[in-house]
Amino acid sequence: MLTVIERAGTDTDRSATWLCECECGNKKVVQGNALRQGKTRSCGCLNKQKSFIDETGNVYGKLTVIQRVPSTTQSKAKWLCQCECGNYREVEGTKLRKGKITHCGCDRKSTKGRVSPTKGKTFPTKVRPNQQYGALLVLGRVPRKGKGDVIWACRCMLCGGRTEIRSSSLTSRKTKSCGCLAGRPWEKRKQKKMSLRELLKGKVNPK
């Protein structure tokens, strides 16, 4: 419903125009004839709201839809949902129906570690002593001055050598040994298609 605030002037047809405020909070200039004849009853939000799908009571994953809430985007209906964990979250109806959002975010918070996009395996994001990354066993933190990436002392389980590796190189799996896999041993491993796990079992001698 529109509420007339004041006269705005005249249009090209010399018809009086009026500045009106809609129930949704928007303002619009409307011809007086359109107001009197009931042709214009809102700023346009009523036409956009007619096609929305009522999601009240529907369940999507862990989310149960409770009620519709005001949305900053008038073309997309937004819904207040309650998660199985008890938290609440506002979600657009299209994202619910497409399965893009199925929880309040509690699934991500409860997941320990980070998933590698290449192998799909979970590995720790924080380096700690006695953790193994590839063939490297973390022994302890190396004291250093100043800021920067943390350095860790590691022992290579393939050759027994000791080396110092940055945290980022360990967690990203960029460094998997002290360097003994480079050169001919790496080519030998590649030709026989041996995995690092098989190397650690002693099936191939890297030296």
Foldseek 3Di string as FASTA:
>chain_A
DWDFDAWDAADPVRFTWTWIAFPVGDIDIGGPVCVVVVVDDGPCLVVLPPPDDDQAQPAAAQWGFHAWDDDPDSNWTWTWIAGVVGDIDIGTPVCRVVNVDRGPCVVVVPDAADADPPPRDGDHLDDDAQDAQAQWGFHAWDDDDDDDFTKTWTAGLQPRDIDIDTSVCRSNSVDRGPCLCPDPVVVVCVVVVPDSVVSSVVPDRSD
